Protein backbone atom coordinates (compact mmCIF):
# COMPACT_ATOMS: atom_id res chain seq x y z
CA MET A 1 119.80 164.24 115.65
CA SER A 2 118.53 167.25 117.87
CA CYS A 3 114.90 166.08 116.98
CA ILE A 4 115.86 162.55 118.41
CA GLU A 5 117.64 164.35 121.57
CA LYS A 6 114.36 166.32 122.04
CA GLY A 7 111.96 162.94 121.54
CA ILE A 8 114.05 160.95 124.19
CA ASN A 9 114.01 163.98 126.47
CA GLU A 10 110.13 164.23 126.34
CA ILE A 11 109.25 162.62 129.66
CA ASN A 12 112.67 163.11 131.41
CA VAL A 13 113.32 159.62 131.95
CA ALA A 14 117.04 159.50 130.92
CA ASP A 15 119.86 161.62 129.81
CA PRO A 16 119.22 162.29 125.81
CA GLN A 17 123.03 162.49 125.34
CA ASP A 18 123.72 158.98 127.18
CA VAL A 19 120.95 157.79 124.98
CA LEU A 20 122.61 158.77 121.51
CA ASP A 21 125.84 158.02 122.87
CA LEU A 22 125.25 154.29 124.32
CA ALA A 23 122.85 153.08 121.26
CA ASP A 24 125.14 154.98 118.88
CA LEU A 25 121.53 156.51 117.21
CA GLY A 26 121.69 157.44 113.67
CA TYR A 27 118.86 158.50 111.33
CA CYS A 28 118.26 156.84 108.08
CA GLN A 29 117.31 159.49 105.52
CA LEU A 30 116.10 157.46 103.06
CA PHE A 31 113.34 155.51 105.01
CA LYS A 32 112.64 158.49 107.79
CA PHE A 33 113.44 156.89 111.11
CA LYS A 34 116.33 156.41 113.58
CA CYS A 35 118.18 153.20 113.91
CA ALA A 36 121.05 152.22 115.75
CA ALA A 37 124.89 151.13 115.13
CA ALA A 38 124.02 147.24 115.89
CA ARG A 39 121.26 146.97 113.68
CA THR A 40 122.02 145.90 109.73
CA CYS A 41 119.86 147.25 106.55
CA ASP A 42 120.42 145.89 103.42
CA ALA A 43 118.66 148.95 101.74
CA TRP A 44 121.84 151.37 102.20
CA LEU A 45 122.08 153.92 99.38
CA HIS A 46 126.25 154.21 98.08
CA GLY A 47 127.84 157.60 99.32
CA GLY A 48 128.02 157.16 103.13
CA PRO A 49 126.61 159.87 105.43
CA ILE A 50 125.31 162.81 104.03
CA ARG A 51 127.62 165.94 104.62
CA ASP A 52 127.31 169.48 103.80
CA GLN A 53 130.90 169.67 102.31
CA GLN A 54 131.35 169.02 98.82
CA ARG A 55 133.44 165.63 97.80
CA GLU A 56 136.19 165.94 95.76
CA PRO A 57 135.97 164.92 92.10
CA ALA A 58 136.84 161.44 91.49
CA SER A 59 139.73 159.84 89.10
CA GLU A 60 138.16 158.05 86.22
CA ALA A 61 140.09 155.05 87.43
CA GLY A 62 138.41 155.75 91.35
CA VAL A 63 134.88 156.05 89.82
CA GLU A 64 135.33 152.67 87.78
CA ASN A 65 136.88 151.24 90.61
CA GLU A 66 133.85 152.42 92.81
CA LEU A 67 131.09 151.36 90.17
CA THR A 68 132.29 147.92 90.14
CA ASP A 69 132.17 147.79 93.69
CA ILE A 70 128.53 148.82 93.54
CA VAL A 71 127.68 146.05 91.08
CA SER A 72 129.36 143.49 93.00
CA GLN A 73 127.08 144.55 96.12
CA LEU A 74 124.11 144.72 94.16
CA ASP A 75 124.70 141.34 92.78
CA LYS A 76 125.07 140.11 96.16
CA ALA A 77 122.37 141.38 97.32
CA SER A 78 120.04 139.93 94.67
CA GLN A 79 121.32 136.78 95.35
CA THR A 80 120.32 136.80 98.78
CA HIS A 81 116.73 138.06 97.74
CA ARG A 82 116.46 135.22 95.55
CA LYS A 83 117.53 132.58 98.28
CA GLN A 84 114.67 134.26 100.42
CA ALA A 85 112.32 134.27 97.72
CA ASN A 86 112.96 130.44 97.15
CA ARG A 87 112.97 130.09 100.84
CA LEU A 88 109.42 131.49 100.99
CA GLU A 89 108.29 129.60 98.03
CA MET A 90 109.34 126.21 99.81
CA ILE A 91 107.86 126.83 102.69
CA LYS A 92 104.25 127.93 100.96
CA ASN A 93 104.28 125.13 99.31
CA SER A 94 105.26 122.93 101.78
CA MET A 95 101.89 124.11 103.68
CA GLY A 96 99.82 123.71 100.89
CA VAL A 97 99.17 127.43 100.34
CA ASN A 98 97.94 128.38 96.61
CA GLY A 99 99.20 131.45 95.05
């Protein structure tokens, strides 16, 4: 976050802390870019924000529930991606584009 703040303040156009707060900026550790909380991303990793503190060991039932939730979310994302692929294929066919 300090790197983002330094970048915002590079030409002294705005108060970096105000920009960070108003845009609710964060940093994507997976794709290495800054993003705003108002944006959405389908490519998230389970586990929440990276923290320095260790997590408490989960109970067996808690792990099973968490895994079930992850599988459900991945299935939903897969369905969305299949629908998008089908739409693209229909558009391609309607345009007469050969693959």
